[in-house]
């Protein structure tokens, strides 16, 4: 055997060790990034009654937004099929949120959303809060930005945006012309 073509055993072992070190370092870094993300996510979402809500700000008054939602529900009556215990509106005169519910027939779920006046005059915050699963009797809620994985959460927000938010914005722009 020619020695000049053969690699010494120590070089092969060094290459393997280097590969293991790189692999372990990469796994460690990815674990640290994931744990850091979860820790920061926990810190970022803890205040308020609806800490995980996805909030959209609309350049219309709350009265106009609520009127647009009523118009949408008149166009799409399937959104209004709700259990009796879910009451839309404010629970009393001091309530900060105007609660809204939209029944999704295909998913057999109810979207829970709310509106409230923004701190900026003439603007309204419109928030997606949760999806309520229903079997006709019981309701089980899953909060957006908390109880769904990344891709399912993104899909749920897209359902809300495409079926409700965009149409409400369209109705608002049509009525304000």
Protein backbone atom coordinates (compact mmCIF):
# COMPACT_ATOMS: atom_id res chain seq x y z
CA UNK A 1 0.00 0.00 0.00
CA UNK A 2 1.26 3.45 -0.84
CA UNK A 3 1.54 5.64 2.18
CA UNK A 4 1.26 8.83 0.31
CA UNK A 5 -2.41 8.13 -0.68
CA UNK A 6 -3.60 6.84 2.65
CA UNK A 7 -4.80 9.29 5.28
CA UNK A 8 -3.59 8.88 8.80
CA UNK A 9 -6.18 7.60 11.30
CA UNK A 10 -5.90 10.73 13.44
CA UNK A 11 -7.15 12.92 10.59
CA UNK A 12 -10.27 10.77 10.12
CA UNK A 13 -11.04 10.89 13.85
CA UNK A 14 -10.51 14.63 13.92
CA UNK A 15 -12.97 15.09 11.07
CA UNK A 16 -15.59 12.98 12.86
CA UNK A 17 -15.09 14.85 16.10
CA UNK A 18 -15.40 18.16 14.29
CA UNK A 19 -18.66 17.00 12.68
CA UNK A 20 -20.08 15.97 16.07
CA UNK A 21 -19.03 19.24 17.65
CA UNK A 22 -20.67 21.23 14.85
CA UNK A 23 -23.83 19.11 15.05
CA UNK A 24 -24.09 19.43 18.84
CA UNK A 25 -23.39 23.16 18.72
CA UNK A 26 -26.09 23.66 16.09
CA UNK A 27 -28.63 21.65 18.12
CA UNK A 28 -27.73 23.60 21.24
CA UNK A 29 -28.13 26.95 19.48
CA UNK A 30 -31.47 25.95 17.98
CA UNK A 31 -32.68 24.82 21.40
CA UNK A 32 -31.59 28.11 22.94
CA UNK A 33 -33.36 30.09 20.20
CA UNK A 34 -36.56 28.09 20.71
CA UNK A 35 -36.48 28.42 24.51
CA UNK A 36 -35.69 32.14 24.16
CA UNK A 37 -38.60 32.61 21.77
CA UNK A 38 -40.99 30.87 24.16
CA UNK A 39 -39.68 32.91 27.10
CA UNK A 40 -40.02 36.22 25.23
CA UNK A 41 -43.43 35.17 23.91
CA UNK A 42 -44.53 34.59 27.48
CA UNK A 43 -43.26 38.01 28.53
CA UNK A 44 -44.87 39.82 25.62
CA UNK A 45 -48.37 38.47 26.19
CA UNK A 46 -49.50 38.76 29.74
CA UNK A 47 -51.31 42.03 30.40
CA UNK A 48 -54.99 42.80 29.99
CA UNK A 49 -58.16 40.81 29.62
CA UNK A 50 -57.40 39.60 26.10
CA UNK A 51 -53.59 39.42 26.01
CA UNK A 52 -53.31 37.21 22.92
CA UNK A 53 -55.91 38.96 20.75
CA UNK A 54 -54.89 39.93 17.23
CA UNK A 55 -55.84 43.61 17.10
CA UNK A 56 -56.54 45.53 13.89
CA UNK A 57 -57.04 49.30 13.85
CA UNK A 58 -59.66 50.68 11.50
CA UNK A 59 -59.92 54.33 10.50
CA UNK A 60 -63.62 54.52 11.31
CA UNK A 61 -65.67 55.19 14.42
CA UNK A 62 -66.81 52.25 16.52
CA UNK A 63 -70.45 52.96 15.63
CA UNK A 64 -69.58 52.72 11.91
CA UNK A 65 -67.68 49.45 12.44
CA UNK A 66 -70.55 47.89 14.41
CA UNK A 67 -72.96 49.02 11.67
CA UNK A 68 -70.71 47.42 9.02
CA UNK A 69 -70.68 44.15 10.99
CA UNK A 70 -74.49 44.26 11.13
CA UNK A 71 -74.56 44.75 7.34
CA UNK A 72 -72.17 41.81 6.89
CA UNK A 73 -74.36 39.59 9.06
CA UNK A 74 -77.44 40.63 7.05
CA UNK A 75 -75.56 39.55 3.90
CA UNK A 76 -74.33 36.32 5.49
CA UNK A 77 -77.03 35.09 7.90
CA UNK A 78 -75.09 31.86 8.56
CA UNK A 79 -72.77 33.99 10.72
CA UNK A 80 -75.63 34.61 13.15
CA UNK A 81 -76.38 30.99 14.16
CA UNK A 82 -75.21 31.22 17.77
CA UNK A 83 -76.06 29.57 21.09
CA UNK A 84 -78.40 31.69 23.23
CA UNK A 85 -75.78 32.26 25.92
CA UNK A 86 -73.54 34.20 23.52
CA UNK A 87 -74.86 37.74 23.59
CA UNK A 88 -73.38 40.35 21.31
CA UNK A 89 -72.74 43.87 22.48
CA UNK A 90 -71.64 45.26 25.80
CA UNK A 91 -72.65 43.44 28.98
CA UNK A 92 -73.35 46.75 30.76
CA UNK A 93 -72.85 50.49 30.32
CA UNK A 94 -69.34 50.31 31.82
CA UNK A 95 -68.10 47.51 29.56
CA UNK A 96 -65.10 48.46 27.47
CA UNK A 97 -65.54 45.87 24.70
CA UNK A 98 -68.37 45.35 22.25
CA UNK A 99 -68.43 41.55 21.84
CA UNK A 100 -69.05 40.03 18.41
CA UNK A 101 -69.54 36.40 17.34
CA UNK A 102 -69.46 34.84 13.88
CA UNK A 103 -70.54 31.25 13.28
CA UNK A 104 -68.45 29.35 10.71
CA UNK A 105 -70.61 26.55 9.35
CA UNK A 106 -67.84 24.64 7.54
CA UNK A 107 -65.64 24.45 10.65
CA UNK A 108 -68.57 24.27 13.12
CA UNK A 109 -66.82 26.96 15.15
CA UNK A 110 -67.61 30.42 16.38
CA UNK A 111 -65.21 33.32 16.06
CA UNK A 112 -65.12 35.59 19.09
CA UNK A 113 -64.07 39.15 18.29
CA UNK A 114 -64.54 42.57 19.85
CA UNK A 115 -64.42 46.24 19.03
CA UNK A 116 -63.53 49.19 21.19
CA UNK A 117 -62.76 52.83 20.51
CA UNK A 118 -59.10 53.52 19.86
CA UNK A 119 -57.16 56.13 21.77
CA UNK A 120 -56.95 57.98 18.43
CA UNK A 121 -60.20 59.87 17.70
CA UNK A 122 -62.23 58.43 14.84
CA UNK A 123 -60.46 55.04 14.95
CA UNK A 124 -61.59 51.67 16.26
CA UNK A 125 -59.74 48.58 17.41
CA UNK A 126 -61.24 45.41 15.97
CA UNK A 127 -59.78 42.25 17.50
CA UNK A 128 -59.84 38.55 16.80
CA UNK A 129 -59.81 36.85 20.22
CA UNK A 130 -60.58 33.16 19.89
CA UNK A 131 -62.23 30.32 18.06
CA UNK A 132 -64.96 28.53 20.01
CA UNK A 133 -65.52 24.89 19.11
CA UNK A 134 -69.10 23.80 19.58
CA UNK A 135 -70.92 20.50 19.64
CA UNK A 136 -74.28 22.26 19.88
CA UNK A 137 -74.27 22.27 23.68
CA UNK A 138 -70.75 22.94 24.95
CA UNK A 139 -68.24 25.57 23.92
CA UNK A 140 -64.47 25.16 24.13
CA UNK A 141 -62.38 28.20 23.30
CA UNK A 142 -58.91 28.35 21.79
CA UNK A 143 -57.16 31.72 21.90
CA UNK A 144 -55.51 33.07 18.79
CA UNK A 145 -51.74 33.61 19.13
CA UNK A 146 -51.64 31.17 22.06
CA UNK A 147 -53.39 27.83 21.60
CA UNK A 148 -52.58 27.16 17.94
CA UNK A 149 -49.27 26.24 16.37
CA UNK A 150 -47.60 28.73 14.03
CA UNK A 151 -49.14 27.50 10.78
CA UNK A 152 -52.62 26.79 12.17
CA UNK A 153 -52.59 30.21 13.87
CA UNK A 154 -51.71 31.84 10.56
CA UNK A 155 -54.51 29.92 8.83
CA UNK A 156 -57.05 30.98 11.49
CA UNK A 157 -56.10 34.64 11.16
CA UNK A 158 -56.45 34.33 7.38
CA UNK A 159 -59.99 32.92 7.81
CA UNK A 160 -60.95 35.91 9.96
CA UNK A 161 -59.26 38.43 7.66
CA UNK A 162 -60.71 36.99 4.44
CA UNK A 163 -64.26 36.22 5.57
CA UNK A 164 -64.87 39.06 8.01
CA UNK A 165 -62.29 41.84 8.25
CA UNK A 166 -61.88 42.52 4.51
CA UNK A 167 -65.64 42.56 3.95
CA UNK A 168 -66.19 44.90 6.93
CA UNK A 169 -63.52 47.24 5.54
CA UNK A 170 -65.15 47.06 2.11
CA UNK A 171 -68.58 47.90 3.55
CA UNK A 172 -67.05 50.81 5.49
CA UNK A 173 -65.35 52.23 2.42
CA UNK A 174 -68.56 51.91 0.38
CA UNK A 175 -70.69 53.67 2.97
CA UNK A 176 -68.20 56.51 3.46
CA UNK A 177 -68.04 57.46 -0.24
